[in-house]
Amino acid sequence: MPQYRVLRSVFIAFLLFTGGVMASAAPSSASEDPVYTGFLSNVAVGGYDPVSYFSATGPVKGLPEFKLDYKGAEWHFANAANRDAFRQHPERYAPQYGGYCAWAVAQGKTAKGDPQNWRIVNGKLYLNYNSDIQTRWEQDIPGFVEAGDRNWPRVLE
């Protein structure tokens, strides 16, 4: 039984130490990253090739061997041609609002954008949180885009 207490004490000390280290490594502000990548990843658009959304086949997963760093995130592409097209014109292919949910940004908030819930409007890619939110957003796309444009990038603060 004494061994159990020693192990428990060591475990608690470890948790306290790592918690302190993690807290000191946390950013000093609560601001969001300019590109949504999720909590445990630095890959934009869930690893999907953003250029592929503009093709006849629609979105496909990118490959790590065709990657590019842009705005602090890693972007994956299906092939070198798509990577090079993005490199030349990232504003043409990157999702609006950094890949955050377009409906949430219109509401003055942030939420993850799901690469499976997307729409191209006036040549721009928009992602939404899920299919229910996508349907809600599609009921007034011009209004939500206008509100999102007003709120972006202020919602990151």
C-alpha atoms as a PDB file:
ATOM      1  CA  MET A   1       0.000   0.000   0.000  1.00  0.00           C
ATOM      2  CA  PRO A   2       2.836   2.517   0.661  1.00  0.00           C
ATOM      3  CA  GLN A   3       4.005   2.034  -2.944  1.00  0.00           C
ATOM      4  CA  TYR A   4       0.557   3.103  -4.123  1.00  0.00           C
ATOM      5  CA  ARG A   5       0.809   6.335  -2.113  1.00  0.00           C
ATOM      6  CA  VAL A   6       4.259   7.070  -3.519  1.00  0.00           C
ATOM      7  CA  LEU A   7       3.076   6.468  -7.084  1.00  0.00           C
ATOM      8  CA  ARG A   8       0.007   8.605  -6.498  1.00  0.00           C
ATOM      9  CA  SER A   9       2.148  11.427  -5.076  1.00  0.00           C
ATOM     10  CA  VAL A  10       4.533  11.246  -8.031  1.00  0.00           C
ATOM     11  CA  PHE A  11       1.598  11.284 -10.459  1.00  0.00           C
ATOM     12  CA  ILE A  12       0.008  14.312  -8.765  1.00  0.00           C
ATOM     13  CA  ALA A  13       3.346  16.139  -8.757  1.00  0.00           C
ATOM     14  CA  PHE A  14       3.728  15.371 -12.468  1.00  0.00           C
ATOM     15  CA  LEU A  15       0.254  16.728 -13.228  1.00  0.00           C
ATOM     16  CA  LEU A  16       0.918  19.893 -11.250  1.00  0.00           C
ATOM     17  CA  PHE A  17       4.263  20.416 -12.980  1.00  0.00           C
ATOM     18  CA  THR A  18       2.979  19.817 -16.504  1.00  0.00           C
ATOM     19  CA  GLY A  19      -0.088  21.945 -15.823  1.00  0.00           C
ATOM     20  CA  GLY A  20       2.156  24.822 -14.774  1.00  0.00           C
ATOM     21  CA  VAL A  21       4.350  24.410 -17.833  1.00  0.00           C
ATOM     22  CA  MET A  22       1.324  24.318 -20.135  1.00  0.00           C
ATOM     23  CA  ALA A  23      -0.203  27.378 -18.493  1.00  0.00           C
ATOM     24  CA  SER A  24       3.000  29.349 -18.898  1.00  0.00           C
ATOM     25  CA  ALA A  25       3.216  28.333 -22.566  1.00  0.00           C
ATOM     26  CA  ALA A  26      -0.328  29.494 -23.320  1.00  0.00           C
ATOM     27  CA  PRO A  27      -0.741  32.692 -25.339  1.00  0.00           C
ATOM     28  CA  SER A  28      -1.314  35.835 -23.329  1.00  0.00           C
ATOM     29  CA  SER A  29      -4.445  36.765 -25.277  1.00  0.00           C
ATOM     30  CA  ALA A  30      -7.541  34.759 -26.055  1.00  0.00           C
ATOM     31  CA  SER A  31      -7.384  35.548 -29.754  1.00  0.00           C
ATOM     32  CA  GLU A  32      -7.925  32.890 -32.393  1.00  0.00           C
ATOM     33  CA  ASP A  33      -5.495  31.979 -35.163  1.00  0.00           C
ATOM     34  CA  PRO A  34      -6.168  33.648 -38.537  1.00  0.00           C
ATOM     35  CA  VAL A  35      -6.631  30.204 -40.138  1.00  0.00           C
ATOM     36  CA  TYR A  36      -8.706  27.480 -38.479  1.00  0.00           C
ATOM     37  CA  THR A  37      -6.657  24.316 -38.018  1.00  0.00           C
ATOM     38  CA  GLY A  38      -8.216  22.657 -34.994  1.00  0.00           C
ATOM     39  CA  PHE A  39      -6.685  22.152 -31.588  1.00  0.00           C
ATOM     40  CA  LEU A  40      -4.198  19.357 -32.260  1.00  0.00           C
ATOM     41  CA  SER A  41      -3.210  20.172 -35.822  1.00  0.00           C
ATOM     42  CA  ASN A  42      -1.742  22.969 -37.879  1.00  0.00           C
ATOM     43  CA  VAL A  43      -3.289  21.770 -41.152  1.00  0.00           C
ATOM     44  CA  ALA A  44      -5.810  24.091 -42.809  1.00  0.00           C
ATOM     45  CA  VAL A  45      -9.155  22.959 -44.274  1.00  0.00           C
ATOM     46  CA  GLY A  46      -8.907  19.605 -42.511  1.00  0.00           C
ATOM     47  CA  GLY A  47      -6.206  18.557 -44.972  1.00  0.00           C
ATOM     48  CA  TYR A  48      -8.398  19.116 -48.025  1.00  0.00           C
ATOM     49  CA  ASP A  49      -6.903  20.709 -51.127  1.00  0.00           C
ATOM     50  CA  PRO A  50      -8.487  24.192 -51.290  1.00  0.00           C
ATOM     51  CA  VAL A  51      -7.895  24.435 -55.045  1.00  0.00           C
ATOM     52  CA  SER A  52      -9.881  21.238 -55.627  1.00  0.00           C
ATOM     53  CA  TYR A  53     -13.100  22.939 -54.463  1.00  0.00           C
ATOM     54  CA  PHE A  54     -12.966  24.980 -57.666  1.00  0.00           C
ATOM     55  CA  SER A  55     -12.670  21.927 -59.941  1.00  0.00           C
ATOM     56  CA  ALA A  56     -15.417  19.858 -61.557  1.00  0.00           C
ATOM     57  CA  THR A  57     -14.655  16.933 -59.242  1.00  0.00           C
ATOM     58  CA  GLY A  58     -15.033  18.948 -56.036  1.00  0.00           C
ATOM     59  CA  PRO A  59     -12.993  18.697 -52.857  1.00  0.00           C
ATOM     60  CA  VAL A  60     -10.349  16.024 -52.389  1.00  0.00           C
ATOM     61  CA  LYS A  61      -7.885  15.418 -49.601  1.00  0.00           C
ATOM     62  CA  GLY A  62      -4.469  16.899 -50.122  1.00  0.00           C
ATOM     63  CA  LEU A  63      -1.211  15.078 -49.542  1.00  0.00           C
ATOM     64  CA  PRO A  64       1.499  16.150 -47.081  1.00  0.00           C
ATOM     65  CA  GLU A  65       4.137  15.851 -49.810  1.00  0.00           C
ATOM     66  CA  PHE A  66       2.418  18.741 -51.624  1.00  0.00           C
ATOM     67  CA  LYS A  67       2.287  21.196 -48.752  1.00  0.00           C
ATOM     68  CA  LEU A  68       2.687  24.928 -48.414  1.00  0.00           C
ATOM     69  CA  ASP A  69       2.834  27.232 -45.396  1.00  0.00           C
ATOM     70  CA  TYR A  70       0.482  30.202 -45.567  1.00  0.00           C
ATOM     71  CA  LYS A  71      -0.704  32.504 -42.773  1.00  0.00           C
ATOM     72  CA  GLY A  72       0.859  30.294 -40.120  1.00  0.00           C
ATOM     73  CA  ALA A  73      -0.892  27.104 -41.243  1.00  0.00           C
ATOM     74  CA  GLU A  74       0.112  24.116 -43.333  1.00  0.00           C
ATOM     75  CA  TRP A  75      -1.993  23.608 -46.459  1.00  0.00           C
ATOM     76  CA  HIS A  76      -2.094  20.277 -48.306  1.00  0.00           C
ATOM     77  CA  PHE A  77      -2.703  19.835 -52.028  1.00  0.00           C
ATOM     78  CA  ALA A  78      -3.564  16.888 -54.253  1.00  0.00           C
ATOM     79  CA  ASN A  79      -0.715  17.665 -56.642  1.00  0.00           C
ATOM     80  CA  ALA A  80       2.079  20.121 -57.394  1.00  0.00           C
ATOM     81  CA  ALA A  81      -0.023  22.055 -59.925  1.00  0.00           C
ATOM     82  CA  ASN A  82      -2.674  22.865 -57.304  1.00  0.00           C
ATOM     83  CA  ARG A  83      -0.006  23.834 -54.772  1.00  0.00           C
ATOM     84  CA  ASP A  84       1.596  26.163 -57.306  1.00  0.00           C
ATOM     85  CA  ALA A  85      -1.773  27.706 -58.253  1.00  0.00           C
ATOM     86  CA  PHE A  86      -2.455  28.413 -54.570  1.00  0.00           C
ATOM     87  CA  ARG A  87       1.030  29.853 -54.104  1.00  0.00           C
ATOM     88  CA  GLN A  88       0.365  32.288 -56.986  1.00  0.00           C
ATOM     89  CA  HIS A  89      -3.136  33.339 -55.838  1.00  0.00           C
ATOM     90  CA  PRO A  90      -3.909  32.239 -52.271  1.00  0.00           C
ATOM     91  CA  GLU A  91      -6.676  34.827 -51.948  1.00  0.00           C
ATOM     92  CA  ARG A  92      -8.477  33.121 -54.846  1.00  0.00           C
ATOM     93  CA  TYR A  93      -8.485  29.660 -53.257  1.00  0.00           C
ATOM     94  CA  ALA A  94      -8.260  30.016 -49.468  1.00  0.00           C
ATOM     95  CA  PRO A  95     -11.632  29.790 -47.736  1.00  0.00           C
ATOM     96  CA  GLN A  96     -13.133  33.031 -46.526  1.00  0.00           C
ATOM     97  CA  TYR A  97     -12.768  33.876 -42.847  1.00  0.00           C
ATOM     98  CA  GLY A  98      -9.724  31.638 -42.537  1.00  0.00           C
ATOM     99  CA  GLY A  99     -11.827  28.508 -42.863  1.00  0.00           C
ATOM    100  CA  TYR A 100     -13.938  29.290 -39.804  1.00  0.00           C
ATOM    101  CA  CYS A 101     -17.673  28.679 -40.082  1.00  0.00           C
ATOM    102  CA  ALA A 102     -19.172  31.426 -42.268  1.00  0.00           C
ATOM    103  CA  TRP A 103     -22.465  31.432 -40.349  1.00  0.00           C
ATOM    104  CA  ALA A 104     -20.684  31.759 -36.982  1.00  0.00           C
ATOM    105  CA  VAL A 105     -18.560  34.656 -38.242  1.00  0.00           C
ATOM    106  CA  ALA A 106     -21.740  36.373 -39.441  1.00  0.00           C
ATOM    107  CA  GLN A 107     -23.023  36.004 -35.854  1.00  0.00           C
ATOM    108  CA  GLY A 108     -19.831  37.601 -34.489  1.00  0.00           C
ATOM    109  CA  LYS A 109     -18.392  34.300 -33.237  1.00  0.00           C
ATOM    110  CA  THR A 110     -15.954  31.636 -34.373  1.00  0.00           C
ATOM    111  CA  ALA A 111     -16.544  27.921 -34.890  1.00  0.00           C
ATOM    112  CA  LYS A 112     -14.758  25.300 -36.916  1.00  0.00           C
ATOM    113  CA  GLY A 113     -15.480  25.131 -40.591  1.00  0.00           C
ATOM    114  CA  ASP A 114     -16.170  21.615 -41.857  1.00  0.00           C
ATOM    115  CA  PRO A 115     -14.555  20.950 -45.252  1.00  0.00           C
ATOM    116  CA  GLN A 116     -17.568  18.795 -46.181  1.00  0.00           C
ATOM    117  CA  ASN A 117     -20.005  21.711 -45.732  1.00  0.00           C
ATOM    118  CA  TRP A 118     -18.991  24.249 -48.326  1.00  0.00           C
ATOM    119  CA  ARG A 119     -20.254  26.536 -51.024  1.00  0.00           C
ATOM    120  CA  ILE A 120     -18.603  28.777 -53.599  1.00  0.00           C
ATOM    121  CA  VAL A 121     -20.321  32.149 -53.845  1.00  0.00           C
ATOM    122  CA  ASN A 122     -19.099  34.808 -56.272  1.00  0.00           C
ATOM    123  CA  GLY A 123     -15.854  32.892 -56.739  1.00  0.00           C
ATOM    124  CA  LYS A 124     -15.141  32.598 -52.998  1.00  0.00           C
ATOM    125  CA  LEU A 125     -15.089  29.454 -50.872  1.00  0.00           C
ATOM    126  CA  TYR A 126     -17.121  29.400 -47.647  1.00  0.00           C
ATOM    127  CA  LEU A 127     -17.161  26.608 -45.058  1.00  0.00           C
ATOM    128  CA  ASN A 128     -19.792  25.986 -42.404  1.00  0.00           C
ATOM    129  CA  TYR A 129     -19.887  24.012 -39.157  1.00  0.00           C
ATOM    130  CA  ASN A 130     -22.250  21.226 -40.242  1.00  0.00           C
ATOM    131  CA  SER A 131     -25.083  20.519 -42.673  1.00  0.00           C
ATOM    132  CA  ASP A 132     -27.751  22.107 -40.433  1.00  0.00           C
ATOM    133  CA  ILE A 133     -25.768  25.340 -40.185  1.00  0.00           C
ATOM    134  CA  GLN A 134     -25.028  25.168 -43.914  1.00  0.00           C
ATOM    135  CA  THR A 135     -28.777  25.000 -44.620  1.00  0.00           C
ATOM    136  CA  ARG A 136     -29.416  27.928 -42.292  1.00  0.00           C
ATOM    137  CA  TRP A 137     -26.626  29.961 -43.953  1.00  0.00           C
ATOM    138  CA  GLU A 138     -27.994  29.185 -47.425  1.00  0.00           C
ATOM    139  CA  GLN A 139     -31.340  30.806 -46.521  1.00  0.00           C
ATOM    140  CA  ASP A 140     -29.726  34.268 -46.714  1.00  0.00           C
ATOM    141  CA  ILE A 141     -26.270  33.958 -48.229  1.00  0.00           C
ATOM    142  CA  PRO A 142     -25.957  37.645 -49.230  1.00  0.00           C
ATOM    143  CA  GLY A 143     -26.983  38.806 -45.755  1.00  0.00           C
ATOM    144  CA  PHE A 144     -24.694  36.376 -43.951  1.00  0.00           C
ATOM    145  CA  VAL A 145     -21.755  37.176 -46.245  1.00  0.00           C
ATOM    146  CA  GLU A 146     -22.277  40.895 -45.650  1.00  0.00           C
ATOM    147  CA  ALA A 147     -22.415  40.366 -41.870  1.00  0.00           C
ATOM    148  CA  GLY A 148     -19.393  38.040 -41.975  1.00  0.00           C
ATOM    149  CA  ASP A 149     -17.378  40.560 -43.979  1.00  0.00           C
ATOM    150  CA  ARG A 150     -18.238  43.233 -41.394  1.00  0.00           C
ATOM    151  CA  ASN A 151     -17.175  40.994 -38.502  1.00  0.00           C
ATOM    152  CA  TRP A 152     -13.982  39.617 -40.058  1.00  0.00           C
ATOM    153  CA  PRO A 153     -11.257  39.650 -38.720  1.00  0.00           C
ATOM    154  CA  ARG A 154     -12.523  41.367 -35.554  1.00  0.00           C
ATOM    155  CA  VAL A 155     -14.086  38.075 -34.370  1.00  0.00           C
ATOM    156  CA  LEU A 156     -10.561  36.719 -33.848  1.00  0.00           C
ATOM    157  CA  GLU A 157      -9.847  39.185 -31.046  1.00  0.00           C
END
